[in-house]
């Protein structure tokens, strides 16, 4: 399992508010594969976003089903740097009509 494989897998996790995956939304800040765990930093589009629990549960579910050998995993919610629309991929911006 590589960082790129994890990011590709996380593209199946959709932000329910906008209907775009969390990778293209720019919500995944860090993926580190350590000897004893996978560490992922994510953010939300706003500190008042109520969907953090839904998104992290979906992340856990899809990663564990794709990588059955996955052991310990930490998903940390961070607020620095704050999310901005500039972090979105070109595809995500096009989906929202922001091209």
PDB file of N, CA and C in Angstrom:
ATOM      1  N   UNK A   1       0.851  -1.175   0.000  1.00  0.00           N
ATOM      2  CA  UNK A   1       0.000   0.000   0.000  1.00  0.00           C
ATOM      3  C   UNK A   1       0.895   1.236   0.000  1.00  0.00           C
ATOM      4  N   UNK A   2       0.581   2.180  -0.892  1.00  0.00           N
ATOM      5  CA  UNK A   2       1.349   3.415  -1.011  1.00  0.00           C
ATOM      6  C   UNK A   2       0.448   4.610  -0.711  1.00  0.00           C
ATOM      7  N   UNK A   3       1.077   5.777  -0.547  1.00  0.00           N
ATOM      8  CA  UNK A   3       0.293   6.993  -0.336  1.00  0.00           C
ATOM      9  C   UNK A   3      -0.636   7.249  -1.524  1.00  0.00           C
ATOM     10  N   UNK A   4      -0.130   7.042  -2.733  1.00  0.00           N
ATOM     11  CA  UNK A   4      -0.965   7.255  -3.917  1.00  0.00           C
ATOM     12  C   UNK A   4      -2.152   6.293  -3.950  1.00  0.00           C
ATOM     13  N   UNK A   5      -1.948   5.049  -3.541  1.00  0.00           N
ATOM     14  CA  UNK A   5      -3.053   4.088  -3.502  1.00  0.00           C
ATOM     15  C   UNK A   5      -4.097   4.511  -2.462  1.00  0.00           C
ATOM     16  N   UNK A   6      -3.629   5.016  -1.345  1.00  0.00           N
ATOM     17  CA  UNK A   6      -4.567   5.498  -0.317  1.00  0.00           C
ATOM     18  C   UNK A   6      -5.364   6.677  -0.852  1.00  0.00           C
ATOM     19  N   UNK A   7      -4.689   7.633  -1.479  1.00  0.00           N
ATOM     20  CA  UNK A   7      -5.401   8.783  -2.040  1.00  0.00           C
ATOM     21  C   UNK A   7      -6.388   8.350  -3.116  1.00  0.00           C
ATOM     22  N   UNK A   8      -5.996   7.430  -3.986  1.00  0.00           N
ATOM     23  CA  UNK A   8      -6.919   6.927  -5.006  1.00  0.00           C
ATOM     24  C   UNK A   8      -8.142   6.286  -4.365  1.00  0.00           C
ATOM     25  N   UNK A   9      -7.929   5.526  -3.306  1.00  0.00           N
ATOM     26  CA  UNK A   9      -9.045   4.888  -2.600  1.00  0.00           C
ATOM     27  C   UNK A   9      -9.946   5.933  -1.957  1.00  0.00           C
ATOM     28  N   UNK A  10      -9.353   6.971  -1.382  1.00  0.00           N
ATOM     29  CA  UNK A  10     -10.140   8.015  -0.721  1.00  0.00           C
ATOM     30  C   UNK A  10     -10.961   8.839  -1.706  1.00  0.00           C
ATOM     31  N   UNK A  11     -10.671   8.729  -2.988  1.00  0.00           N
ATOM     32  CA  UNK A  11     -11.498   9.430  -3.979  1.00  0.00           C
ATOM     33  C   UNK A  11     -12.921   8.865  -4.038  1.00  0.00           C
ATOM     34  N   UNK A  12     -13.130   7.713  -3.433  1.00  0.00           N
ATOM     35  CA  UNK A  12     -14.489   7.170  -3.394  1.00  0.00           C
ATOM     36  C   UNK A  12     -15.293   7.718  -2.212  1.00  0.00           C
ATOM     37  N   UNK A  13     -14.657   8.507  -1.348  1.00  0.00           N
ATOM     38  CA  UNK A  13     -15.355   9.128  -0.214  1.00  0.00           C
ATOM     39  C   UNK A  13     -15.832  10.504  -0.671  1.00  0.00           C
ATOM     40  N   UNK A  14     -17.139  10.667  -0.672  1.00  0.00           N
ATOM     41  CA  UNK A  14     -17.760  11.879  -1.196  1.00  0.00           C
ATOM     42  C   UNK A  14     -18.140  12.816  -0.051  1.00  0.00           C
ATOM     43  N   UNK A  15     -17.847  14.102  -0.227  1.00  0.00           N
ATOM     44  CA  UNK A  15     -18.338  15.116   0.710  1.00  0.00           C
ATOM     45  C   UNK A  15     -19.825  15.278   0.430  1.00  0.00           C
ATOM     46  N   UNK A  16     -20.683  14.862   1.359  1.00  0.00           N
ATOM     47  CA  UNK A  16     -22.125  14.849   1.083  1.00  0.00           C
ATOM     48  C   UNK A  16     -22.721  16.226   0.806  1.00  0.00           C
ATOM     49  N   UNK A  17     -22.080  17.270   1.285  1.00  0.00           N
ATOM     50  CA  UNK A  17     -22.636  18.607   1.069  1.00  0.00           C
ATOM     51  C   UNK A  17     -22.481  19.085  -0.370  1.00  0.00           C
ATOM     52  N   UNK A  18     -21.387  18.687  -1.014  1.00  0.00           N
ATOM     53  CA  UNK A  18     -21.138  19.191  -2.375  1.00  0.00           C
ATOM     54  C   UNK A  18     -21.109  18.102  -3.424  1.00  0.00           C
ATOM     55  N   UNK A  19     -21.054  16.833  -3.011  1.00  0.00           N
ATOM     56  CA  UNK A  19     -21.087  15.731  -3.966  1.00  0.00           C
ATOM     57  C   UNK A  19     -19.782  15.498  -4.702  1.00  0.00           C
ATOM     58  N   UNK A  20     -18.679  15.954  -4.137  1.00  0.00           N
ATOM     59  CA  UNK A  20     -17.359  15.788  -4.741  1.00  0.00           C
ATOM     60  C   UNK A  20     -16.483  15.032  -3.752  1.00  0.00           C
ATOM     61  N   UNK A  21     -15.570  14.212  -4.272  1.00  0.00           N
ATOM     62  CA  UNK A  21     -14.745  13.420  -3.366  1.00  0.00           C
ATOM     63  C   UNK A  21     -13.802  14.295  -2.540  1.00  0.00           C
ATOM     64  N   UNK A  22     -13.422  13.786  -1.380  1.00  0.00           N
ATOM     65  CA  UNK A  22     -12.651  14.580  -0.420  1.00  0.00           C
ATOM     66  C   UNK A  22     -11.223  14.881  -0.889  1.00  0.00           C
ATOM     67  N   UNK A  23     -10.682  14.062  -1.780  1.00  0.00           N
ATOM     68  CA  UNK A  23      -9.335  14.328  -2.299  1.00  0.00           C
ATOM     69  C   UNK A  23      -9.395  15.516  -3.261  1.00  0.00           C
ATOM     70  N   UNK A  24     -10.316  15.472  -4.216  1.00  0.00           N
ATOM     71  CA  UNK A  24     -10.436  16.574  -5.167  1.00  0.00           C
ATOM     72  C   UNK A  24     -10.928  17.863  -4.503  1.00  0.00           C
ATOM     73  N   UNK A  25     -11.638  17.737  -3.396  1.00  0.00           N
ATOM     74  CA  UNK A  25     -12.048  18.922  -2.637  1.00  0.00           C
ATOM     75  C   UNK A  25     -10.862  19.568  -1.930  1.00  0.00           C
ATOM     76  N   UNK A  26      -9.765  18.828  -1.802  1.00  0.00           N
ATOM     77  CA  UNK A  26      -8.601  19.366  -1.105  1.00  0.00           C
ATOM     78  C   UNK A  26      -8.683  19.212   0.396  1.00  0.00           C
ATOM     79  N   UNK A  27      -9.523  18.277   0.864  1.00  0.00           N
ATOM     80  CA  UNK A  27      -9.710  18.089   2.302  1.00  0.00           C
ATOM     81  C   UNK A  27      -8.660  17.174   2.926  1.00  0.00           C
ATOM     82  N   UNK A  28      -7.961  16.393   2.115  1.00  0.00           N
ATOM     83  CA  UNK A  28      -6.921  15.499   2.642  1.00  0.00           C
ATOM     84  C   UNK A  28      -5.591  16.238   2.566  1.00  0.00           C
ATOM     85  N   UNK A  29      -5.029  16.538   3.721  1.00  0.00           N
ATOM     86  CA  UNK A  29      -3.775  17.295   3.774  1.00  0.00           C
ATOM     87  C   UNK A  29      -2.541  16.399   3.777  1.00  0.00           C
ATOM     88  N   UNK A  30      -2.580  15.324   4.532  1.00  0.00           N
ATOM     89  CA  UNK A  30      -1.391  14.493   4.715  1.00  0.00           C
ATOM     90  C   UNK A  30      -1.774  13.028   4.725  1.00  0.00           C
ATOM     91  N   UNK A  31      -0.969  12.205   4.063  1.00  0.00           N
ATOM     92  CA  UNK A  31      -1.052  10.754   4.186  1.00  0.00           C
ATOM     93  C   UNK A  31       0.368  10.269   4.450  1.00  0.00           C
ATOM     94  N   UNK A  32       0.568   9.627   5.587  1.00  0.00           N
ATOM     95  CA  UNK A  32       1.874   9.063   5.932  1.00  0.00           C
ATOM     96  C   UNK A  32       1.700   7.596   6.280  1.00  0.00           C
ATOM     97  N   UNK A  33       2.528   6.780   5.675  1.00  0.00           N
ATOM     98  CA  UNK A  33       2.531   5.357   6.018  1.00  0.00           C
ATOM     99  C   UNK A  33       3.727   5.135   6.932  1.00  0.00           C
ATOM    100  N   UNK A  34       3.429   4.897   8.194  1.00  0.00           N
ATOM    101  CA  UNK A  34       4.462   4.670   9.200  1.00  0.00           C
ATOM    102  C   UNK A  34       4.574   3.165   9.439  1.00  0.00           C
ATOM    103  N   UNK A  35       5.634   2.716  10.090  1.00  0.00           N
ATOM    104  CA  UNK A  35       5.787   1.281  10.324  1.00  0.00           C
ATOM    105  C   UNK A  35       4.626   0.646  11.095  1.00  0.00           C
ATOM    106  N   UNK A  36       4.004   1.421  11.989  1.00  0.00           N
ATOM    107  CA  UNK A  36       2.968   0.818  12.829  1.00  0.00           C
ATOM    108  C   UNK A  36       1.586   1.435  12.643  1.00  0.00           C
ATOM    109  N   UNK A  37       1.437   2.357  11.696  1.00  0.00           N
ATOM    110  CA  UNK A  37       0.121   2.950  11.456  1.00  0.00           C
ATOM    111  C   UNK A  37       0.107   3.748  10.163  1.00  0.00           C
ATOM    112  N   UNK A  38      -1.103   4.015   9.706  1.00  0.00           N
ATOM    113  CA  UNK A  38      -1.319   4.973   8.633  1.00  0.00           C
ATOM    114  C   UNK A  38      -1.877   6.218   9.292  1.00  0.00           C
ATOM    115  N   UNK A  39      -1.260   7.355   8.992  1.00  0.00           N
ATOM    116  CA  UNK A  39      -1.652   8.632   9.584  1.00  0.00           C
ATOM    117  C   UNK A  39      -2.173   9.540   8.482  1.00  0.00           C
ATOM    118  N   UNK A  40      -3.378  10.077   8.684  1.00  0.00           N
ATOM    119  CA  UNK A  40      -4.004  10.940   7.686  1.00  0.00           C
ATOM    120  C   UNK A  40      -4.491  12.204   8.383  1.00  0.00           C
ATOM    121  N   UNK A  41      -4.148  13.343   7.808  1.00  0.00           N
ATOM    122  CA  UNK A  41      -4.677  14.621   8.279  1.00  0.00           C
ATOM    123  C   UNK A  41      -5.712  15.095   7.281  1.00  0.00           C
ATOM    124  N   UNK A  42      -6.869  15.489   7.810  1.00  0.00           N
ATOM    125  CA  UNK A  42      -7.914  16.040   6.956  1.00  0.00           C
ATOM    126  C   UNK A  42      -8.419  17.335   7.575  1.00  0.00           C
ATOM    127  N   UNK A  43      -9.136  18.075   6.779  1.00  0.00           N
ATOM    128  CA  UNK A  43      -9.812  19.266   7.260  1.00  0.00           C
ATOM    129  C   UNK A  43     -11.227  19.249   6.704  1.00  0.00           C
ATOM    130  N   UNK A  44     -12.003  20.191   7.113  1.00  0.00           N
ATOM    131  CA  UNK A  44     -13.351  20.379   6.579  1.00  0.00           C
ATOM    132  C   UNK A  44     -13.398  21.761   5.928  1.00  0.00           C
ATOM    133  N   UNK A  45     -14.408  21.997   5.129  1.00  0.00           N
ATOM    134  CA  UNK A  45     -14.509  23.292   4.462  1.00  0.00           C
ATOM    135  C   UNK A  45     -14.802  24.417   5.443  1.00  0.00           C
ATOM    136  N   UNK A  46     -15.336  24.057   6.613  1.00  0.00           N
ATOM    137  CA  UNK A  46     -15.674  25.051   7.626  1.00  0.00           C
ATOM    138  C   UNK A  46     -15.616  24.397   9.004  1.00  0.00           C
ATOM    139  N   UNK A  47     -15.174  25.127  10.026  1.00  0.00           N
ATOM    140  CA  UNK A  47     -15.178  24.558  11.382  1.00  0.00           C
ATOM    141  C   UNK A  47     -16.577  24.176  11.873  1.00  0.00           C
ATOM    142  N   UNK A  48     -17.607  24.713  11.243  1.00  0.00           N
ATOM    143  CA  UNK A  48     -18.969  24.385  11.652  1.00  0.00           C
ATOM    144  C   UNK A  48     -19.559  23.207  10.875  1.00  0.00           C
ATOM    145  N   UNK A  49     -18.763  22.590  10.010  1.00  0.00           N
ATOM    146  CA  UNK A  49     -19.243  21.457   9.214  1.00  0.00           C
ATOM    147  C   UNK A  49     -19.642  20.303  10.135  1.00  0.00           C
ATOM    148  N   UNK A  50     -20.871  19.838  10.044  1.00  0.00           N
ATOM    149  CA  UNK A  50     -21.335  18.764  10.932  1.00  0.00           C
ATOM    150  C   UNK A  50     -21.019  17.356  10.409  1.00  0.00           C
ATOM    151  N   UNK A  51     -20.329  17.247   9.278  1.00  0.00           N
ATOM    152  CA  UNK A  51     -20.181  15.946   8.626  1.00  0.00           C
ATOM    153  C   UNK A  51     -18.839  15.259   8.876  1.00  0.00           C
ATOM    154  N   UNK A  52     -18.036  15.773   9.767  1.00  0.00           N
ATOM    155  CA  UNK A  52     -16.729  15.179  10.050  1.00  0.00           C
ATOM    156  C   UNK A  52     -16.862  13.697  10.390  1.00  0.00           C
ATOM    157  N   UNK A  53     -17.783  13.351  11.275  1.00  0.00           N
ATOM    158  CA  UNK A  53     -17.963  11.954  11.679  1.00  0.00           C
ATOM    159  C   UNK A  53     -18.355  11.053  10.522  1.00  0.00           C
ATOM    160  N   UNK A  54     -19.240  11.514   9.680  1.00  0.00           N
ATOM    161  CA  UNK A  54     -19.674  10.740   8.518  1.00  0.00           C
ATOM    162  C   UNK A  54     -18.494  10.507   7.578  1.00  0.00           C
ATOM    163  N   UNK A  55     -17.746  11.555   7.308  1.00  0.00           N
ATOM    164  CA  UNK A  55     -16.619  11.446   6.378  1.00  0.00           C
ATOM    165  C   UNK A  55     -15.548  10.522   6.936  1.00  0.00           C
ATOM    166  N   UNK A  56     -15.178  10.676   8.204  1.00  0.00           N
ATOM    167  CA  UNK A  56     -14.123   9.816   8.763  1.00  0.00           C
ATOM    168  C   UNK A  56     -14.579   8.364   8.849  1.00  0.00           C
ATOM    169  N   UNK A  57     -15.839   8.113   9.152  1.00  0.00           N
ATOM    170  CA  UNK A  57     -16.335   6.721   9.153  1.00  0.00           C
ATOM    171  C   UNK A  57     -16.266   6.127   7.753  1.00  0.00           C
ATOM    172  N   UNK A  58     -16.629   6.911   6.754  1.00  0.00           N
ATOM    173  CA  UNK A  58     -16.549   6.432   5.374  1.00  0.00           C
ATOM    174  C   UNK A  58     -15.103   6.189   4.949  1.00  0.00           C
ATOM    175  N   UNK A  59     -14.195   7.053   5.380  1.00  0.00           N
ATOM    176  CA  UNK A  59     -12.776   6.852   5.096  1.00  0.00           C
ATOM    177  C   UNK A  59     -12.296   5.534   5.697  1.00  0.00           C
ATOM    178  N   UNK A  60     -12.603   5.321   6.957  1.00  0.00           N
ATOM    179  CA  UNK A  60     -12.186   4.099   7.638  1.00  0.00           C
ATOM    180  C   UNK A  60     -12.745   2.866   6.920  1.00  0.00           C
ATOM    181  N   UNK A  61     -14.023   2.918   6.584  1.00  0.00           N
ATOM    182  CA  UNK A  61     -14.678   1.778   5.940  1.00  0.00           C
ATOM    183  C   UNK A  61     -14.042   1.442   4.594  1.00  0.00           C
ATOM    184  N   UNK A  62     -13.837   2.440   3.750  1.00  0.00           N
ATOM    185  CA  UNK A  62     -13.311   2.176   2.409  1.00  0.00           C
ATOM    186  C   UNK A  62     -11.844   1.754   2.462  1.00  0.00           C
ATOM    187  N   UNK A  63     -11.070   2.341   3.350  1.00  0.00           N
ATOM    188  CA  UNK A  63      -9.659   1.956   3.440  1.00  0.00           C
ATOM    189  C   UNK A  63      -9.503   0.539   3.980  1.00  0.00           C
ATOM    190  N   UNK A  64     -10.280   0.184   4.992  1.00  0.00           N
ATOM    191  CA  UNK A  64     -10.168  -1.169   5.563  1.00  0.00           C
ATOM    192  C   UNK A  64     -10.694  -2.236   4.607  1.00  0.00           C
ATOM    193  N   UNK A  65     -11.690  -1.890   3.797  1.00  0.00           N
ATOM    194  CA  UNK A  65     -12.178  -2.888   2.841  1.00  0.00           C
ATOM    195  C   UNK A  65     -11.215  -3.040   1.655  1.00  0.00           C
ATOM    196  N   UNK A  66     -10.541  -1.966   1.280  1.00  0.00           N
ATOM    197  CA  UNK A  66      -9.598  -2.020   0.174  1.00  0.00           C
ATOM    198  C   UNK A  66      -8.262  -2.631   0.590  1.00  0.00           C
ATOM    199  N   UNK A  67      -7.849  -2.336   1.812  1.00  0.00           N
ATOM    200  CA  UNK A  67      -6.559  -2.811   2.337  1.00  0.00           C
ATOM    201  C   UNK A  67      -6.799  -3.633   3.601  1.00  0.00           C
ATOM    202  N   UNK A  68      -7.170  -4.913   3.464  1.00  0.00           N
ATOM    203  CA  UNK A  68      -7.485  -5.730   4.641  1.00  0.00           C
ATOM    204  C   UNK A  68      -6.312  -5.849   5.614  1.00  0.00           C
ATOM    205  N   UNK A  69      -5.086  -5.648   5.118  1.00  0.00           N
ATOM    206  CA  UNK A  69      -3.912  -5.742   5.979  1.00  0.00           C
ATOM    207  C   UNK A  69      -3.697  -4.482   6.815  1.00  0.00           C
ATOM    208  N   UNK A  70      -4.496  -3.453   6.575  1.00  0.00           N
ATOM    209  CA  UNK A  70      -4.358  -2.187   7.292  1.00  0.00           C
ATOM    210  C   UNK A  70      -4.559  -2.400   8.788  1.00  0.00           C
ATOM    211  N   UNK A  71      -3.603  -1.983   9.551  1.00  0.00           N
ATOM    212  CA  UNK A  71      -3.681  -2.105  11.011  1.00  0.00           C
ATOM    213  C   UNK A  71      -4.176  -0.806  11.621  1.00  0.00           C
ATOM    214  N   UNK A  72      -3.333  -0.217  12.460  1.00  0.00           N
ATOM    215  CA  UNK A  72      -3.700   1.021  13.135  1.00  0.00           C
ATOM    216  C   UNK A  72      -3.784   2.165  12.128  1.00  0.00           C
ATOM    217  N   UNK A  73      -4.785   2.999  12.325  1.00  0.00           N
ATOM    218  CA  UNK A  73      -4.951   4.163  11.466  1.00  0.00           C
ATOM    219  C   UNK A  73      -5.419   5.324  12.322  1.00  0.00           C
ATOM    220  N   UNK A  74      -4.797   6.466  12.115  1.00  0.00           N
ATOM    221  CA  UNK A  74      -5.205   7.692  12.786  1.00  0.00           C
ATOM    222  C   UNK A  74      -5.666   8.674  11.729  1.00  0.00           C
ATOM    223  N   UNK A  75      -6.878   9.189  11.897  1.00  0.00           N
ATOM    224  CA  UNK A  75      -7.395  10.245  11.040  1.00  0.00           C
ATOM    225  C   UNK A  75      -7.557  11.461  11.942  1.00  0.00           C
ATOM    226  N   UNK A  76      -6.718  12.468  11.710  1.00  0.00           N
ATOM    227  CA  UNK A  76      -6.720  13.662  12.548  1.00  0.00           C
ATOM    228  C   UNK A  76      -7.365  14.822  11.807  1.00  0.00           C
ATOM    229  N   UNK A  77      -8.301  15.477  12.466  1.00  0.00           N
ATOM    230  CA  UNK A  77      -8.936  16.673  11.923  1.00  0.00           C
ATOM    231  C   UNK A  77      -8.103  17.884  12.329  1.00  0.00           C
ATOM    232  N   UNK A  78      -7.681  18.669  11.341  1.00  0.00           N
ATOM    233  CA  UNK A  78      -6.873  19.863  11.606  1.00  0.00           C
ATOM    234  C   UNK A  78      -7.536  21.080  10.965  1.00  0.00           C
ATOM    235  N   UNK A  79      -7.188  22.243  11.473  1.00  0.00           N
ATOM    236  CA  UNK A  79      -7.762  23.487  10.950  1.00  0.00           C
ATOM    237  C   UNK A  79      -6.712  24.423  10.362  1.00  0.00           C
ATOM    238  N   UNK A  80      -5.451  24.023  10.435  1.00  0.00           N
ATOM    239  CA  UNK A  80      -4.365  24.827   9.885  1.00  0.00           C
ATOM    240  C   UNK A  80      -3.627  24.020   8.838  1.00  0.00           C
ATOM    241  N   UNK A  81      -3.426  24.519   7.670  1.00  0.00           N
ATOM    242  CA  UNK A  81      -3.976  25.788   7.199  1.00  0.00           C
ATOM    243  C   UNK A  81      -5.473  25.654   6.941  1.00  0.00           C
ATOM    244  N   UNK A  82      -6.185  26.753   7.057  1.00  0.00           N
ATOM    245  CA  UNK A  82      -7.618  26.701   6.780  1.00  0.00           C
ATOM    246  C   UNK A  82      -7.870  26.313   5.321  1.00  0.00           C
ATOM    247  N   UNK A  83      -8.940  25.565   5.100  1.00  0.00           N
ATOM    248  CA  UNK A  83      -9.299  25.173   3.740  1.00  0.00           C
ATOM    249  C   UNK A  83      -9.774  26.401   2.973  1.00  0.00           C
ATOM    250  N   UNK A  84      -9.401  26.450   1.691  1.00  0.00           N
ATOM    251  CA  UNK A  84      -9.906  27.477   0.779  1.00  0.00           C
ATOM    252  C   UNK A  84     -10.242  26.809  -0.550  1.00  0.00           C
ATOM    253  N   UNK A  85     -11.097  27.406  -1.338  1.00  0.00           N
ATOM    254  CA  UNK A  85     -11.462  26.812  -2.622  1.00  0.00           C
ATOM    255  C   UNK A  85     -10.272  26.603  -3.561  1.00  0.00           C
ATOM    256  N   UNK A  86      -9.189  27.333  -3.360  1.00  0.00           N
ATOM    257  CA  UNK A  86      -8.005  27.160  -4.196  1.00  0.00           C
ATOM    258  C   UNK A  86      -7.401  25.766  -4.047  1.00  0.00           C
ATOM    259  N   UNK A  87      -7.712  25.061  -2.974  1.00  0.00           N
ATOM    260  CA  UNK A  87      -7.179  23.724  -2.737  1.00  0.00           C
ATOM    261  C   UNK A  87      -7.900  22.650  -3.551  1.00  0.00           C
ATOM    262  N   UNK A  88      -8.997  23.017  -4.162  1.00  0.00           N
ATOM    263  CA  UNK A  88      -9.758  22.068  -4.971  1.00  0.00           C
ATOM    264  C   UNK A  88      -9.024  21.765  -6.267  1.00  0.00           C
ATOM    265  N   UNK A  89      -9.181  20.533  -6.749  1.00  0.00           N
ATOM    266  CA  UNK A  89      -8.606  20.173  -8.040  1.00  0.00           C
ATOM    267  C   UNK A  89      -9.376  20.881  -9.158  1.00  0.00           C
ATOM    268  N   UNK A  90      -8.770  20.924 -10.321  1.00  0.00           N
ATOM    269  CA  UNK A  90      -9.430  21.514 -11.481  1.00  0.00           C
ATOM    270  C   UNK A  90     -10.732  20.777 -11.790  1.00  0.00           C
ATOM    271  N   UNK A  91     -10.715  19.446 -11.656  1.00  0.00           N
ATOM    272  CA  UNK A  91     -11.938  18.658 -11.895  1.00  0.00           C
ATOM    273  C   UNK A  91     -13.054  19.063 -10.941  1.00  0.00           C
ATOM    274  N   UNK A  92     -12.713  19.254  -9.661  1.00  0.00           N
ATOM    275  CA  UNK A  92     -13.724  19.651  -8.688  1.00  0.00           C
ATOM    276  C   UNK A  92     -14.288  21.022  -9.023  1.00  0.00           C
ATOM    277  N   UNK A  93     -13.431  21.940  -9.392  1.00  0.00           N
ATOM    278  CA  UNK A  93     -13.893  23.284  -9.754  1.00  0.00           C
ATOM    279  C   UNK A  93     -14.813  23.229 -10.973  1.00  0.00           C
ATOM    280  N   UNK A  94     -14.461  22.376 -11.938  1.00  0.00           N
ATOM    281  CA  UNK A  94     -15.311  22.229 -13.125  1.00  0.00           C
ATOM    282  C   UNK A  94     -16.677  21.660 -12.755  1.00  0.00           C
ATOM    283  N   UNK A  95     -16.695  20.699 -11.835  1.00  0.00           N
ATOM    284  CA  UNK A  95     -17.970  20.104 -11.409  1.00  0.00           C
ATOM    285  C   UNK A  95     -18.881  21.162 -10.789  1.00  0.00           C
ATOM    286  N   UNK A  96     -18.282  22.150 -10.150  1.00  0.00           N
ATOM    287  CA  UNK A  96     -19.060  23.206  -9.529  1.00  0.00           C
ATOM    288  C   UNK A  96     -19.293  24.385 -10.470  1.00  0.00           C
ATOM    289  N   UNK A  97     -18.788  24.273 -11.701  1.00  0.00           N
ATOM    290  CA  UNK A  97     -18.965  25.350 -12.667  1.00  0.00           C
ATOM    291  C   UNK A  97     -18.045  26.529 -12.434  1.00  0.00           C
ATOM    292  N   UNK A  98     -16.906  26.278 -11.774  1.00  0.00           N
ATOM    293  CA  UNK A  98     -15.968  27.352 -11.456  1.00  0.00           C
ATOM    294  C   UNK A  98     -14.781  27.378 -12.397  1.00  0.00           C
ATOM    295  N   UNK A  99     -14.915  26.853 -13.570  1.00  0.00           N
ATOM    296  CA  UNK A  99     -13.783  26.814 -14.490  1.00  0.00           C
ATOM    297  C   UNK A  99     -13.648  28.148 -15.119  1.00  0.00           C
TER     298      UNK A  99
END
